[in-house]
Structure formats: C-alpha cells, structure tokens
Amino acid sequence: MLWSEVRELFPNQFILMEDIKSYVVDGKVHVEEVAVIRPLADGTEATRELRDCKDNKFICHTSKPQIVMPIRSKPNLRGFHQ
C-alpha cells in the first residue's frame, strides 16, 4: 500500500507497518510502499510498540507527508579487549 493511501485511511494516527519497498539516498531510507499491521491508539502505545519493532517493522504518524528515516549504525561495544 502506498503511504498516501495509508494517510487517507488512517488520518492523524500512529501506524505500525512493515517496509515493502524502499530505497536509500544520502544515508536516509525513503519508504514508498508499506504493509499496515495495525493502527495504534496513542503515543503511549506507539512508544511501547516501538521498543519491540524488529526487521522491517516501524511506526510512523500519518501527519508526515513522506516516510524518510536516517540510517543509524549500531554502537560499538566498549571495554572489550582480547
């Protein structure tokens, strides 16, 4: 489903989704198509669900005109030496 369609179906809501089609430009992921898993009741539920998101799942609010997310690398482990 296109992001514009999601915004029409679920105005002004947080949505739990899975990335179906995206591309990377300048260190940012631009998401074009998503699979809606479910709308979320409020920001509190969105925060709780965000902690459990893995793989291609993420949360976004439909007030956003586009889904663009920066790519963040995982921090290195500190204090481990062999």
Protein backbone atom coordinates (compact mmCIF):
# COMPACT_ATOMS: atom_id res chain seq x y z
CA MET A 1 0.00 0.00 0.00
CA LEU A 2 1.31 3.47 -0.81
CA TRP A 3 1.92 5.91 2.04
CA SER A 4 -0.60 8.37 0.55
CA GLU A 5 -3.29 5.65 0.78
CA VAL A 6 -2.39 4.90 4.40
CA ARG A 7 -2.68 8.61 5.24
CA GLU A 8 -6.17 8.74 3.72
CA LEU A 9 -7.39 5.61 5.52
CA PHE A 10 -5.89 6.46 8.93
CA PRO A 11 -5.77 10.26 9.34
CA ASN A 12 -3.85 11.66 12.33
CA GLN A 13 -2.82 8.27 13.80
CA PHE A 14 0.30 6.31 14.64
CA ILE A 15 0.55 3.19 12.44
CA LEU A 16 2.59 0.03 12.95
CA MET A 17 3.85 -1.02 9.50
CA GLU A 18 6.29 -3.17 7.60
CA ASP A 19 8.51 -1.82 4.83
CA ILE A 20 7.68 -3.43 1.49
CA LYS A 21 9.51 -1.15 -0.95
CA SER A 22 12.14 1.47 -0.12
CA TYR A 23 15.40 2.97 -1.34
CA VAL A 24 18.40 4.69 0.25
CA VAL A 25 19.69 8.16 -0.67
CA ASP A 26 22.35 10.08 1.27
CA GLY A 27 22.14 7.87 4.34
CA LYS A 28 18.35 8.02 4.58
CA VAL A 29 15.73 5.36 3.87
CA HIS A 30 12.82 6.59 1.73
CA VAL A 31 9.84 4.25 2.12
CA GLU A 32 7.43 4.02 -0.82
CA GLU A 33 5.20 1.01 -0.04
CA VAL A 34 4.17 -0.46 3.31
CA ALA A 35 2.03 -3.22 4.74
CA VAL A 36 -0.16 -1.88 7.53
CA ILE A 37 -0.08 -4.15 10.58
CA ARG A 38 -2.44 -2.05 12.70
CA PRO A 39 -3.21 1.50 13.82
CA LEU A 40 -2.14 2.42 17.36
CA ALA A 41 -4.35 4.12 19.93
CA ASP A 42 -1.99 6.90 21.02
CA GLY A 43 1.61 7.97 21.54
CA THR A 44 1.99 5.83 24.65
CA GLU A 45 1.09 2.67 22.76
CA ALA A 46 3.33 3.76 19.86
CA THR A 47 6.29 4.14 22.23
CA ARG A 48 5.66 0.71 23.76
CA GLU A 49 5.40 -0.92 20.32
CA LEU A 50 8.48 0.90 19.03
CA ARG A 51 10.67 -0.90 21.57
CA ASP A 52 9.59 -4.24 20.09
CA CYS A 53 9.99 -3.34 16.39
CA LYS A 54 12.44 -5.59 14.54
CA ASP A 55 13.47 -6.29 10.97
CA ASN A 56 11.48 -4.07 8.58
CA LYS A 57 8.77 -3.04 11.06
CA PHE A 58 8.44 0.56 12.18
CA ILE A 59 5.96 3.16 13.40
CA CYS A 60 5.09 6.46 11.76
CA HIS A 61 2.42 9.12 12.26
CA THR A 62 0.17 9.86 9.29
CA SER A 63 0.70 13.61 9.67
CA LYS A 64 4.05 13.10 7.90
CA PRO A 65 3.88 13.72 4.12
CA GLN A 66 6.66 11.17 3.44
CA ILE A 67 8.44 8.41 5.31
CA VAL A 68 12.14 9.30 5.42
CA MET A 69 14.31 7.83 8.18
CA PRO A 70 18.04 8.29 8.84
CA ILE A 71 20.16 5.15 8.87
CA ARG A 72 21.78 4.75 12.26
CA SER A 73 24.66 2.37 12.79
CA LYS A 74 24.78 0.24 15.90
CA PRO A 75 27.26 1.48 18.50
CA ASN A 76 30.47 -0.45 19.01
CA LEU A 77 30.92 -2.50 22.14
CA ARG A 78 33.19 -0.64 24.55
CA GLY A 79 35.52 -2.13 27.10
CA PHE A 80 36.01 -5.48 25.36
CA HIS A 81 39.64 -6.27 24.56
CA GLN A 82 41.38 -9.56 23.76
